[in-house]
Protein backbone atom coordinates (compact mmCIF):
# COMPACT_ATOMS: atom_id res chain seq x y z
CA MET A 1 101.99 88.29 76.01
CA THR A 2 102.43 85.30 78.10
CA PRO A 3 100.96 85.53 81.51
CA ARG A 4 103.67 86.01 84.79
CA GLU A 5 103.39 84.35 88.05
CA PRO A 6 102.74 87.16 90.57
CA GLY A 7 105.41 89.19 91.33
CA SER A 8 107.64 87.98 89.33
CA SER A 9 109.84 89.77 86.92
CA PHE A 10 111.38 90.05 82.98
CA PHE A 11 114.63 91.84 84.61
CA ASN A 12 117.31 89.57 83.89
CA SER A 13 119.56 92.05 86.22
CA ASN A 14 119.73 91.39 89.48
CA ASP A 15 116.49 91.66 91.71
CA ASP A 16 117.92 94.51 94.03
CA ASP A 17 120.20 96.37 91.16
CA PHE A 18 117.25 99.04 90.69
CA VAL A 19 119.34 101.18 88.40
CA ALA A 20 120.30 98.05 86.19
CA LYS A 21 116.72 97.66 86.07
CA MET A 22 116.16 101.36 85.21
CA LYS A 23 118.93 101.33 82.67
CA GLU A 24 116.87 97.98 80.99
CA ALA A 25 114.08 99.43 80.99
CA GLU A 26 114.91 102.90 79.85
CA ALA A 27 113.54 104.35 82.48
CA GLN A 28 114.23 107.67 83.62
CA ILE A 29 112.28 108.22 87.09
CA VAL A 30 112.14 104.97 90.57
CA ILE A 31 109.56 105.54 92.42
CA PHE A 32 110.49 104.24 96.43
CA TYR A 33 107.66 103.65 98.99
CA GLY A 34 107.26 103.09 102.51
CA SER A 35 103.63 101.58 103.01
CA GLN A 36 101.95 100.18 106.10
CA THR A 37 98.40 100.21 104.42
CA GLY A 38 98.42 100.46 100.98
CA THR A 39 98.28 104.10 100.66
CA ALA A 40 101.49 105.22 99.61
CA GLU A 41 102.16 101.97 97.33
CA ASP A 42 99.03 103.47 95.39
CA PHE A 43 100.16 106.75 95.31
CA ALA A 44 103.74 105.44 93.89
CA MET A 45 101.66 103.48 91.30
CA ARG A 46 99.38 106.46 90.83
CA LEU A 47 102.46 108.26 89.85
CA ALA A 48 103.81 106.03 87.45
CA GLY A 49 100.81 105.67 85.06
CA GLU A 50 101.14 109.79 85.60
CA ALA A 51 104.66 109.50 84.06
CA LYS A 52 103.79 107.96 81.02
CA ARG A 53 101.29 110.56 80.24
CA TYR A 54 104.25 112.70 80.20
CA GLY A 55 106.17 109.98 77.99
CA ILE A 56 108.30 109.05 80.72
CA LYS A 57 109.03 105.78 81.92
CA ALA A 58 108.69 104.97 85.40
CA LEU A 59 110.12 102.08 87.68
CA VAL A 60 108.01 101.25 91.41
CA ILE A 61 110.37 99.99 93.48
CA ASP A 62 109.74 98.88 97.39
CA PRO A 63 112.91 99.54 99.15
CA GLN A 64 112.95 96.72 101.26
CA ASP A 65 113.71 94.76 97.56
CA ALA A 66 116.65 97.12 96.51
CA ASP A 67 119.97 97.89 97.21
CA MET A 68 119.43 101.59 98.30
CA THR A 69 122.97 102.28 98.85
CA GLN A 70 122.96 102.24 94.57
CA LEU A 71 120.94 105.97 94.78
CA SER A 72 124.78 107.07 94.36
CA GLU A 73 125.01 105.72 91.59
CA LEU A 74 121.53 107.38 90.07
CA SER A 75 123.11 110.36 88.52
CA THR A 76 124.81 107.43 85.44
CA ILE A 77 121.15 107.95 83.95
CA GLU A 78 121.04 111.05 82.48
CA ASN A 79 118.35 113.04 84.31
CA ALA A 80 116.93 110.48 86.18
CA VAL A 81 114.62 111.34 89.14
CA ALA A 82 113.73 109.73 92.80
CA LEU A 83 110.81 109.63 94.22
CA PHE A 84 109.67 108.85 97.86
CA CYS A 85 106.11 108.29 98.80
CA LEU A 86 106.71 107.68 102.43
CA ALA A 87 104.25 107.42 105.58
CA THR A 88 104.88 107.48 108.85
CA TYR A 89 103.95 104.92 111.38
CA GLY A 90 103.38 104.52 115.05
CA GLU A 91 105.46 107.04 116.95
CA GLY A 92 107.40 108.61 114.14
CA GLU A 93 108.24 105.23 113.04
CA PRO A 94 109.57 104.48 109.27
CA THR A 95 106.71 101.26 107.87
CA ASP A 96 108.41 98.06 108.20
CA ASN A 97 109.33 98.00 104.64
CA ALA A 98 111.39 101.27 104.90
CA GLN A 99 113.04 100.28 108.12
CA ALA A 100 116.39 99.28 106.52
CA PHE A 101 116.76 102.06 104.31
CA HIS A 102 116.02 104.27 107.25
CA ASP A 103 118.85 102.57 109.16
CA LEU A 104 121.18 102.94 105.85
CA LEU A 105 120.68 107.14 105.88
CA GLU A 106 120.74 107.04 109.76
CA GLU A 107 124.19 105.36 109.23
CA LYS A 108 125.58 108.51 106.70
CA THR A 109 127.85 110.17 108.57
CA GLU A 110 128.76 114.37 107.89
CA GLU A 111 131.86 113.44 106.20
CA GLU A 112 129.64 111.71 103.41
CA ASN A 113 128.03 115.01 102.43
CA ASP A 114 128.05 113.96 98.69
CA TRP A 115 127.46 110.46 97.75
CA LEU A 116 124.35 111.44 96.51
CA GLU A 117 125.73 114.79 94.23
CA ASN A 118 123.85 115.10 91.30
CA VAL A 119 120.96 113.23 92.26
CA ASN A 120 117.18 114.49 91.54
CA TYR A 121 115.23 113.52 94.04
CA ALA A 122 111.39 115.13 95.82
CA VAL A 123 110.22 113.42 99.09
CA PHE A 124 106.33 113.03 99.80
CA GLY A 125 105.19 112.07 103.02
CA LEU A 126 101.78 110.32 104.04
CA GLY A 127 101.24 111.61 107.70
CA ASN A 128 98.47 112.91 110.16
CA LYS A 129 98.43 116.05 112.23
CA THR A 130 97.02 114.84 115.22
CA TYR A 131 100.25 112.02 115.69
CA GLU A 132 102.77 114.25 117.78
CA HIS A 133 105.93 113.07 115.03
CA PHE A 134 103.92 114.20 111.71
CA ASN A 135 105.37 112.79 108.85
CA ALA A 136 108.68 112.35 110.69
CA MET A 137 109.79 109.61 108.36
CA ALA A 138 109.40 111.87 105.32
CA THR A 139 111.36 114.68 107.09
CA PHE A 140 113.89 112.71 107.81
CA VAL A 141 114.40 111.11 104.31
CA ASP A 142 114.38 114.44 102.88
CA ASP A 143 117.02 116.18 105.00
CA LYS A 144 119.60 113.27 104.86
CA LEU A 145 119.28 113.26 100.74
CA LYS A 146 119.52 117.21 100.66
CA ALA A 147 122.10 116.67 103.26
CA GLY A 148 123.77 114.15 101.48
CA GLY A 149 124.41 115.82 98.41
CA GLY A 150 121.02 115.02 96.28
CA ARG A 151 119.50 117.91 94.75
CA ARG A 152 115.67 118.34 95.61
CA LEU A 153 113.39 119.30 92.83
CA ILE A 154 110.61 120.32 94.85
CA ASP A 155 110.03 120.99 98.96
CA VAL A 156 108.96 117.76 100.71
CA GLY A 157 104.92 117.15 100.61
CA MET A 158 103.12 117.35 103.67
CA GLY A 159 100.53 115.19 103.36
CA ASP A 160 97.88 115.44 105.90
CA ASP A 161 94.89 112.51 106.36
CA ASP A 162 93.46 114.47 109.03
CA VAL A 163 92.62 117.28 106.70
CA ASN A 164 92.38 115.78 102.96
CA LEU A 165 96.01 113.19 102.09
CA GLU A 166 94.22 113.18 98.44
CA GLU A 167 93.95 116.81 98.07
CA ASP A 168 97.96 117.51 99.32
CA PHE A 169 99.29 114.90 97.28
CA LEU A 170 97.68 116.57 94.05
CA GLU A 171 98.65 119.74 95.18
CA TRP A 172 102.51 118.30 95.51
CA LYS A 173 102.23 116.49 92.21
CA ASP A 174 101.55 119.45 90.25
CA LEU A 175 104.39 121.02 91.34
CA LEU A 176 106.32 118.10 90.81
CA TRP A 177 105.77 117.05 87.01
CA SER A 178 106.35 120.87 85.99
CA ALA A 179 109.53 120.43 88.04
CA VAL A 180 110.20 117.29 86.13
CA CYS A 181 109.32 117.84 82.48
CA GLU A 182 110.70 121.36 83.28
CA LEU A 183 114.38 119.51 83.55
CA MET A 184 113.65 116.66 81.05
CA GLY A 185 113.00 119.20 78.30
CA LYS A 186 109.18 118.06 78.40
CA ASP A 187 106.45 120.57 77.81
CA ALA A 188 104.08 120.02 81.12
CA ASN A 189 100.82 120.85 79.44
CA ALA A 190 100.99 118.20 76.74
CA ILE A 191 99.40 115.48 78.60
CA SER A 192 98.88 111.81 76.70
CA ALA A 193 95.11 110.29 76.89
CA SER A 194 94.69 108.00 79.90
CA PHE A 195 96.72 104.66 79.65
CA ARG A 196 95.76 101.15 81.37
CA THR A 197 98.26 99.63 83.47
CA TYR A 198 96.76 96.31 83.46
CA GLN A 199 94.79 94.18 80.83
CA LEU A 200 92.42 91.47 80.70
CA VAL A 201 94.30 88.52 79.09
CA PRO A 202 92.65 84.95 78.83
CA VAL A 203 92.80 82.87 81.68
CA ASP A 204 95.81 80.33 81.76
CA GLU A 205 94.22 76.76 82.70
CA ARG A 206 97.33 75.79 83.77
CA LYS A 207 96.64 78.21 86.84
CA LYS A 208 95.17 77.70 90.42
CA VAL A 209 92.67 80.05 90.70
CA PHE A 210 92.53 82.69 94.07
CA THR A 211 89.85 82.38 96.06
CA GLY A 212 90.27 85.33 98.18
CA GLU A 213 94.17 84.47 99.29
CA PRO A 214 96.46 87.58 99.92
CA ALA A 215 99.11 86.18 97.93
CA ILE A 216 99.57 81.40 97.84
CA ALA A 217 96.84 80.34 95.61
CA ASN A 218 95.68 76.89 97.62
CA SER A 219 97.44 78.41 101.24
CA PHE A 220 92.99 78.90 102.21
CA LYS A 221 92.89 75.22 101.42
CA HIS A 222 96.23 73.69 102.48
CA GLN A 223 97.07 75.39 105.66
CA ARG A 224 100.94 75.48 106.43
CA PRO A 225 102.86 77.13 109.04
CA PRO A 226 104.95 79.63 109.43
CA TYR A 227 101.65 82.26 109.04
CA SER A 228 101.94 85.85 108.06
CA GLN A 229 100.91 89.12 106.16
CA LYS A 230 101.08 86.87 102.76
CA ASN A 231 100.09 83.53 104.47
CA PRO A 232 97.40 84.30 107.24
CA PHE A 233 95.75 81.58 109.55
CA LEU A 234 92.82 81.35 109.54
CA ALA A 235 91.19 80.78 113.01
CA PRO A 236 87.66 80.40 113.72
CA ILE A 237 85.62 82.98 116.53
CA ARG A 238 84.66 80.89 119.58
CA VAL A 239 83.45 83.43 121.71
CA ARG A 240 81.40 86.63 120.29
CA ARG A 241 79.51 88.90 122.98
CA GLU A 242 78.12 92.50 123.56
CA LEU A 243 79.94 94.21 126.00
CA TYR A 244 77.54 97.10 125.27
CA LYS A 245 74.87 98.28 122.27
CA ASP A 246 72.33 101.00 122.89
CA GLU A 247 71.68 104.52 120.45
CA GLY A 248 73.41 102.66 117.42
CA ARG A 249 76.52 102.19 118.97
CA SER A 250 77.84 98.55 119.71
CA CYS A 251 81.07 96.94 121.36
CA LEU A 252 81.76 92.96 120.92
CA HIS A 253 84.29 91.06 122.74
CA ILE A 254 85.52 89.10 120.15
CA GLU A 255 87.89 85.47 120.81
CA LEU A 256 89.57 84.31 117.89
CA ASP A 257 91.27 79.90 118.45
CA ILE A 258 94.33 80.15 117.21
CA SER A 259 95.15 76.38 118.41
CA GLY A 260 97.20 74.56 116.83
CA SER A 261 98.78 76.81 114.84
CA GLY A 262 101.92 77.43 116.04
CA ILE A 263 101.25 81.67 116.35
CA ARG A 264 102.57 83.19 119.07
CA TYR A 265 101.80 86.42 121.04
CA THR A 266 102.43 89.21 123.49
CA ALA A 267 100.46 91.62 125.48
CA GLY A 268 100.30 94.37 123.72
CA ASP A 269 101.03 93.19 119.95
CA HIS A 270 98.34 93.26 117.44
CA ALA A 271 96.01 91.03 115.58
CA ALA A 272 95.26 91.59 111.67
CA VAL A 273 92.67 90.50 109.99
CA TYR A 274 92.14 90.11 106.37
CA PRO A 275 87.74 91.01 106.09
CA THR A 276 85.30 90.54 103.28
CA ASN A 277 82.99 93.12 102.08
CA ASN A 278 79.87 92.69 102.32
CA ALA A 279 77.90 90.47 99.95
CA SER A 280 75.03 92.88 99.47
CA LEU A 281 77.57 95.90 98.71
CA VAL A 282 79.28 92.74 95.99
CA GLN A 283 75.92 92.04 93.81
CA ALA A 284 75.07 95.98 94.50
CA VAL A 285 78.36 96.87 92.33
CA ALA A 286 78.08 94.05 89.83
CA GLU A 287 74.00 95.01 89.17
CA ARG A 288 75.12 98.49 88.29
CA LEU A 289 78.02 97.17 85.74
CA GLN A 290 76.18 94.14 84.76
CA VAL A 291 79.33 92.26 85.95
CA PRO A 292 79.20 88.26 85.87
CA LEU A 293 80.10 87.88 89.34
CA ASP A 294 80.79 83.60 88.92
CA ASP A 295 83.09 84.31 85.88
CA ILE A 296 87.07 83.83 86.27
CA PHE A 297 89.00 86.30 84.63
CA GLN A 298 92.96 87.32 84.72
CA LEU A 299 94.67 90.35 84.65
CA GLN A 300 98.19 91.54 83.58
CA ALA A 301 100.21 94.26 83.46
CA VAL A 302 100.60 96.13 80.15
CA ASP A 303 104.78 97.13 80.23
CA THR A 304 107.08 94.23 81.47
CA PHE A 305 108.83 96.41 83.58
CA THR A 306 105.37 97.20 85.62
CA ARG A 307 106.55 96.15 89.77
CA LYS A 308 103.72 93.39 90.20
CA SER A 309 102.50 91.75 87.15
CA THR A 310 99.41 91.65 88.55
CA PRO A 311 96.80 94.56 90.75
CA PHE A 312 96.16 91.20 92.59
CA PRO A 313 95.92 87.54 92.69
CA CYS A 314 94.50 86.53 89.42
CA PRO A 315 93.04 84.39 88.25
CA CYS A 316 90.28 84.87 90.16
CA THR A 317 86.55 85.20 89.85
CA TYR A 318 84.91 88.60 89.80
CA ARG A 319 83.56 87.64 93.01
CA THR A 320 86.42 87.20 94.72
CA ALA A 321 87.98 90.56 93.58
CA LEU A 322 85.02 92.19 94.62
CA SER A 323 84.33 90.32 98.00
CA HIS A 324 88.50 90.13 99.18
CA TYR A 325 90.87 92.56 97.32
CA VAL A 326 89.22 95.77 96.91
CA GLU A 327 87.97 98.97 98.96
CA LEU A 328 83.96 99.24 97.78
CA THR A 329 83.16 101.44 101.09
CA HIS A 330 86.63 104.72 100.13
CA THR A 331 85.45 107.40 98.63
CA PRO A 332 86.89 107.24 95.40
CA SER A 333 90.05 109.44 94.42
CA LEU A 334 90.15 111.57 91.58
CA ASN A 335 92.52 109.38 89.85
CA ILE A 336 89.21 107.17 89.49
CA ILE A 337 86.91 109.96 88.77
CA ALA A 338 89.45 111.27 85.57
CA GLU A 339 89.15 107.45 84.20
CA MET A 340 85.65 107.41 84.53
CA VAL A 341 84.91 110.36 81.81
CA GLN A 342 85.73 108.44 79.06
CA TYR A 343 83.15 106.37 79.63
CA ALA A 344 79.92 109.06 80.23
CA LYS A 345 77.59 108.22 77.57
CA ASP A 346 75.73 111.41 78.98
CA GLU A 347 77.24 114.64 77.73
CA GLN A 348 76.48 116.82 80.87
CA GLN A 349 77.46 113.89 83.45
CA LYS A 350 81.00 113.36 81.05
CA GLU A 351 81.32 117.45 81.63
CA ARG A 352 80.68 116.85 85.27
CA LEU A 353 83.21 114.69 85.81
CA ALA A 354 85.81 115.97 83.77
CA PHE A 355 85.17 119.18 85.88
CA LEU A 356 85.39 117.68 88.93
CA CYS A 357 88.78 116.44 88.44
CA SER A 358 90.38 119.69 87.18
CA LYS A 359 92.46 121.95 89.01
CA GLN A 360 89.54 124.19 88.84
CA GLY A 361 86.78 121.91 89.97
CA ARG A 362 88.93 120.12 93.24
CA SER A 363 87.46 122.44 95.47
CA GLU A 364 83.79 121.24 94.31
CA TYR A 365 85.23 117.43 94.14
CA ASN A 366 86.02 117.56 98.01
CA LYS A 367 82.70 119.42 98.58
CA HIS A 368 80.56 117.24 96.93
CA ILE A 369 82.22 113.91 97.29
CA HIS A 370 85.34 113.84 99.42
CA ASN A 371 83.78 115.87 102.38
CA ARG A 372 80.60 113.66 101.93
CA HIS A 373 82.29 110.46 102.08
CA LEU A 374 80.58 108.72 98.93
CA THR A 375 81.49 105.69 98.12
CA ILE A 376 82.55 104.21 94.37
CA LEU A 377 78.51 102.92 94.43
CA ASP A 378 77.32 106.41 95.39
CA VAL A 379 79.01 108.00 92.62
CA LEU A 380 78.22 105.52 89.91
CA ALA A 381 74.43 105.65 91.26
CA GLU A 382 74.84 109.46 90.67
CA PHE A 383 76.36 109.68 87.03
CA SER A 384 74.18 106.70 86.23
CA SER A 385 75.28 107.53 82.40
CA VAL A 386 79.20 105.95 83.21
CA GLU A 387 79.68 102.45 82.08
CA MET A 388 82.61 101.57 83.37
CA PRO A 389 84.60 98.28 82.42
CA ILE A 390 84.32 96.10 85.63
CA ASP A 391 88.08 95.39 84.87
CA HIS A 392 89.60 98.79 85.11
CA LEU A 393 87.44 99.68 87.84
CA LEU A 394 89.23 97.03 90.00
CA GLU A 395 92.56 98.10 88.45
CA LEU A 396 91.71 101.29 90.36
CA LEU A 397 90.26 100.51 93.30
CA PRO A 398 92.88 100.91 96.47
CA ARG A 399 93.71 96.80 97.33
CA MET A 400 92.46 95.70 100.59
CA GLN A 401 94.53 96.12 103.54
CA PRO A 402 94.72 93.78 106.85
CA ARG A 403 92.44 95.78 110.13
CA TYR A 404 94.94 95.78 113.19
CA TYR A 405 93.30 95.47 116.72
CA SER A 406 94.80 96.00 119.75
CA ILE A 407 95.10 92.15 121.37
CA SER A 408 92.97 92.11 124.60
CA SER A 409 94.58 89.26 126.05
CA SER A 410 97.69 87.75 127.50
CA SER A 411 99.26 84.49 125.82
CA LYS A 412 100.03 83.74 129.69
CA THR A 413 96.27 83.24 130.55
CA ASN A 414 94.91 82.83 126.83
CA PRO A 415 98.32 80.58 124.76
CA ASP A 416 95.81 79.11 122.20
CA ARG A 417 92.97 82.62 122.36
CA ILE A 418 93.36 85.78 120.97
CA HIS A 419 90.77 88.29 122.53
CA MET A 420 89.98 91.34 120.41
CA THR A 421 87.48 94.31 121.31
CA VAL A 422 86.12 95.75 118.52
CA ALA A 423 83.83 98.69 117.96
CA ILE A 424 81.08 98.47 115.44
CA VAL A 425 82.24 100.93 112.38
CA THR A 426 78.62 102.45 110.56
CA TYR A 427 77.54 105.98 109.53
CA LYS A 428 75.02 107.85 107.24
CA ASN A 429 77.77 109.80 104.58
CA GLY A 430 76.18 112.75 102.83
CA ALA A 431 74.49 110.21 100.01
CA ASP A 432 71.97 108.87 102.70
CA THR A 433 73.63 105.62 102.41
CA THR A 434 74.79 103.70 105.51
CA VAL A 435 78.21 102.17 105.31
CA GLU A 436 79.47 100.13 107.01
CA GLY A 437 83.10 99.37 108.82
CA VAL A 438 84.44 96.98 107.17
CA ALA A 439 85.96 94.69 109.29
CA THR A 440 83.39 95.10 112.38
CA THR A 441 80.28 94.59 110.84
CA TRP A 442 81.94 91.67 108.82
CA PHE A 443 82.40 89.91 112.43
CA CYS A 444 78.69 90.22 113.37
CA ARG A 445 77.96 88.39 110.50
CA LEU A 446 80.24 84.97 110.81
CA ALA A 447 79.01 82.10 112.29
CA LEU A 448 80.74 81.20 115.50
CA ASP A 449 83.30 78.25 115.12
CA THR A 450 82.24 77.46 111.36
CA ASP A 451 83.50 80.66 109.20
CA ARG A 452 86.94 81.37 109.63
CA VAL A 453 89.09 84.88 109.90
CA PRO A 454 92.27 85.09 108.15
CA MET A 455 94.96 86.65 110.20
CA PHE A 456 98.30 87.03 111.84
CA VAL A 457 99.84 88.68 114.43
CA ARG A 458 102.14 91.96 114.24
CA ARG A 459 104.36 92.89 116.70
CA SER A 460 104.42 95.99 118.98
CA THR A 461 106.40 97.90 121.31
CA PHE A 462 104.01 98.58 123.16
CA ARG A 463 105.29 96.51 126.37
CA LEU A 464 105.00 95.61 129.70
CA PRO A 465 108.06 97.07 132.00
CA ARG A 466 110.62 94.16 132.05
CA LYS A 467 110.96 93.77 135.96
CA PRO A 468 107.95 93.61 137.33
CA LYS A 469 108.27 95.76 140.23
CA VAL A 470 108.46 98.87 137.78
CA PRO A 471 105.32 101.27 138.51
CA MET A 472 102.77 102.17 135.63
CA ILE A 473 100.06 104.46 134.47
CA MET A 474 97.75 102.86 131.80
CA ILE A 475 95.06 105.25 130.15
CA GLY A 476 92.87 103.78 127.93
CA PRO A 477 89.45 104.79 127.77
CA GLY A 478 86.87 103.59 125.70
CA THR A 479 88.13 100.68 123.04
CA GLY A 480 92.00 102.19 123.61
CA VAL A 481 91.32 99.72 127.09
CA ALA A 482 91.95 96.66 125.02
CA PRO A 483 95.85 95.72 125.41
CA PHE A 484 95.86 97.04 128.91
CA ARG A 485 93.14 94.08 129.74
CA GLY A 486 96.16 92.03 127.94
CA PHE A 487 98.52 93.79 131.23
CA ILE A 488 96.20 93.17 133.25
CA GLN A 489 95.81 89.29 133.28
CA GLU A 490 99.63 89.12 132.77
CA ARG A 491 100.34 90.91 136.04
CA LEU A 492 97.93 88.37 137.93
CA PHE A 493 99.34 85.63 136.03
CA LEU A 494 102.56 86.56 137.32
CA MET A 495 101.54 87.72 140.75
CA GLN A 496 100.69 84.10 141.63
CA ASP A 497 102.45 81.81 143.93
CA SER A 498 105.28 85.35 143.72
CA GLU A 499 107.27 86.72 146.03
CA GLU A 500 108.18 89.59 143.91
CA GLN A 501 107.66 92.47 144.43
CA PHE A 502 105.45 94.64 141.80
CA GLY A 503 105.06 98.21 141.89
CA GLU A 504 101.87 100.00 142.00
CA THR A 505 99.41 100.06 138.63
CA HIS A 506 96.66 102.64 137.96
CA LEU A 507 94.77 102.74 135.08
CA PHE A 508 92.40 105.60 134.00
CA PHE A 509 89.19 104.27 131.70
CA GLY A 510 86.65 106.53 130.41
CA CYS A 511 83.48 106.13 128.61
CA GLN A 512 80.33 108.08 128.32
CA ASN A 513 77.84 106.01 130.83
CA GLU A 514 78.67 104.07 133.31
CA SER A 515 75.79 101.51 133.69
CA LYS A 516 75.80 101.01 129.58
CA HIS A 517 79.41 101.57 128.39
CA PHE A 518 81.61 100.90 131.25
CA MET A 519 83.36 97.37 129.65
CA TYR A 520 85.59 94.40 131.62
CA ARG A 521 84.29 95.71 134.95
CA ASP A 522 83.99 92.81 136.83
CA GLU A 523 87.38 92.24 135.43
CA PHE A 524 89.20 95.31 136.83
CA GLU A 525 87.55 95.50 139.91
CA ASP A 526 88.90 91.88 140.59
CA ALA A 527 92.09 93.12 139.69
CA VAL A 528 92.12 95.83 142.44
CA MET A 529 90.81 92.92 144.65
CA LYS A 530 93.65 90.68 143.95
CA LYS A 531 96.11 94.20 144.10
CA ALA A 532 97.23 93.67 140.59
CA LEU A 533 95.76 97.12 140.17
CA SER A 534 96.48 100.01 142.56
CA GLY A 535 94.04 102.11 141.36
CA LEU A 536 90.76 101.94 138.64
CA HIS A 537 90.21 105.63 137.76
CA THR A 538 86.94 105.92 136.10
CA ALA A 539 85.33 108.86 133.75
CA PHE A 540 82.00 108.66 132.66
CA SER A 541 81.37 111.56 130.44
CA ARG A 542 77.90 111.73 130.21
CA ASP A 543 76.89 110.65 134.04
CA GLN A 544 76.65 114.85 135.30
CA ALA A 545 75.89 117.82 134.13
CA THR A 546 79.78 118.30 133.00
CA LYS A 547 81.56 116.37 131.05
CA VAL A 548 84.57 114.58 132.78
CA TYR A 549 87.25 112.79 131.06
CA VAL A 550 90.60 110.85 131.87
CA GLN A 551 92.44 113.88 132.08
CA HIS A 552 90.70 115.58 134.85
CA ARG A 553 90.74 112.03 136.84
CA LEU A 554 94.91 112.59 135.93
CA ARG A 555 95.02 116.00 137.51
CA GLU A 556 92.50 114.85 140.49
CA ARG A 557 95.63 112.18 140.53
CA LYS A 558 98.36 114.32 139.81
CA GLU A 559 100.01 113.13 143.63
CA ASP A 560 99.96 109.14 142.32
CA VAL A 561 101.12 110.58 138.54
CA TRP A 562 104.23 112.42 139.80
CA ARG A 563 105.24 109.51 142.47
CA VAL A 564 104.89 107.37 139.62
CA LEU A 565 106.84 109.24 137.00
CA GLN A 566 109.29 110.55 139.67
CA ALA A 567 110.18 106.83 140.64
CA GLY A 568 110.67 105.77 136.85
CA GLY A 569 107.28 104.50 136.21
CA HIS A 570 106.17 104.22 132.21
CA LEU A 571 103.38 105.96 130.72
CA TYR A 572 100.91 104.38 128.57
CA ILE A 573 98.71 106.22 126.59
CA CYS A 574 95.97 103.95 124.43
CA GLY A 575 93.24 105.48 122.09
CA ASP A 576 91.98 108.20 120.09
CA ALA A 577 94.80 110.52 118.85
CA LYS A 578 93.24 113.25 117.55
CA TYR A 579 91.74 114.87 120.77
CA MET A 580 92.03 111.99 124.14
CA ALA A 581 96.16 111.75 123.76
CA GLN A 582 96.78 115.11 122.86
CA ASP A 583 94.41 115.70 125.92
CA VAL A 584 95.83 113.66 128.30
CA ARG A 585 99.81 115.13 126.80
CA LYS A 586 98.16 118.40 127.92
CA ALA A 587 97.43 117.09 131.86
CA ILE A 588 100.85 115.52 131.99
CA ILE A 589 102.99 118.09 131.56
CA GLU A 590 100.62 120.01 133.52
CA ILE A 591 100.94 117.41 136.41
CA LEU A 592 105.06 117.83 135.73
CA VAL A 593 105.04 121.47 135.95
CA GLU A 594 102.97 121.72 139.63
CA MET A 595 104.15 118.93 141.01
CA GLY A 596 107.59 118.75 139.49
CA ASP A 597 108.34 122.24 139.82
CA LYS A 598 109.34 122.02 136.33
CA THR A 599 109.50 125.11 133.60
CA GLN A 600 107.11 123.85 130.50
CA GLN A 601 110.53 123.23 128.29
CA GLN A 602 111.76 120.85 131.48
CA ALA A 603 108.60 119.02 131.47
CA LEU A 604 108.22 118.32 127.40
CA GLN A 605 112.13 116.87 128.17
CA PHE A 606 111.30 115.53 130.74
CA LEU A 607 108.57 113.36 128.65
CA LYS A 608 110.61 113.44 125.70
CA THR A 609 113.12 111.43 127.50
CA MET A 610 110.64 108.94 129.05
CA GLU A 611 109.97 108.31 125.70
CA GLU A 612 113.72 107.60 124.10
CA LYS A 613 113.77 105.12 127.02
CA HIS A 614 110.56 103.41 126.27
CA ARG A 615 108.97 104.40 129.47
CA PHE A 616 106.19 107.06 127.43
CA GLN A 617 104.45 104.84 124.60
CA GLN A 618 101.39 105.41 122.74
CA ASP A 619 99.24 103.08 120.53
CA VAL A 620 96.83 105.93 119.03
CA TRP A 621 94.37 105.80 116.01
CA SER A 622 92.34 108.72 114.18
């Protein structure tokens, strides 16, 4: 087989003509994904691999690379099925690569209710119930496809990452394959043996060897703008200082130098960084599987119609792959456990692995592996007879994704620096293994000025009001205060030598202890002195017998909150989505009911209208 360049194709048809590609590949299933962190894409690839086990060919397509109006032509292929794995991003928004598809469906009118007649489809959503707009993209697409005359094979899958996304996906795809096999006249119980998607091939000596670049060989050695997700800028760390450190908790202030890069940012944007796995973890995996770390290898797609010719940039060394291209701290998914079975030499371990990945053993997998947050190394240690080829494991492990941080500076005051506020993550899992946050602990190991951070900027809609006179309320406990530090810096800059009127601005900040965790205190108190902040309202949860949080301070300042919102002010929340954001939202609703003399429903509608007008914005995570 002649190796392909990453991303190249053997198809003779036009790049965006996915129906023609299906016919050329004799495929009956097309799988589209909307992915921001890589999980939806991974699910799509897994579905394509499983289709092969049923004797069905499937293509995985990025919707931004396809002419999605051709969905109406899918019925020209007998029993064809369109599958969608769709994540919801931000406040109910589509992922970047699914935005155009979302806009296409949104433009469809009620008169076009038959454009997808006889088109078979199914949708799986990747979401998190802690967010208000749970799986909004998946339900939107499912409703639109049905309204367009499509034939829904099974109900939309509502994956919940707050509980067990993997389990939700497995339950959905069990129903899916039953429906697909029935449609295509296949035996759902007649599953072929495991198929590899990629295989080792001889290294092409003419190819450039990747050294950690996400897409373009030698882009780290020869830096050229513009910088992006595929072509990150290598930024040195100029400042790294402890904001606090106590009892196993730590938070860093980090400044990246972007001078000469041409990178521009606005307060509220995100800095994205590509981290590197800990060298000791890489070494441990290599020793367990007897990997020659500095050998160069190349993986190539087995089938010519596989969406990606390589699972990650190849050729590269095994050290590079394990360090830069795969996640080693994630809990292994069931498909990885299933592939281990064939490599177990001990019969009892083989039986145990086979049970864990069976339908009957899923609850045991959840209890023993998923809920204990075991890593791939933990599982390999427990099942010591597994002799899995490193190339197969690398094919299956999830691809390393960039980590996103709210920028905590303003380009008005720091045009050549990007500030980040980073909480260090470490914890003990169920195997008593110390698991480190890949990026946060990596920041601690980097040498100032000499080591480089591959990074780019992702634009955000989290923005200051266009007019300075508009009042605003900012709620950001812990590291959630990061973007508001940038907002305050910008306000201070704009106030210099300005006669313009500035709206009142309130910051609600919370942490455990005032003496230990009150980050950026001097800056915020200075902003109060200089009138950039009208009010600094703090909640220190552990400084008294009864815990006090930002939602309590909001209720105490209910007159201020109502005055700002009634005057057309902006409301911002940044931080934890699971508890804080929901508690704050509840407090705001209570204030609207009491101070605004509204019913519960009227208060909810008031907040919804604010959201629609971009006066209520959230930058939250779980």
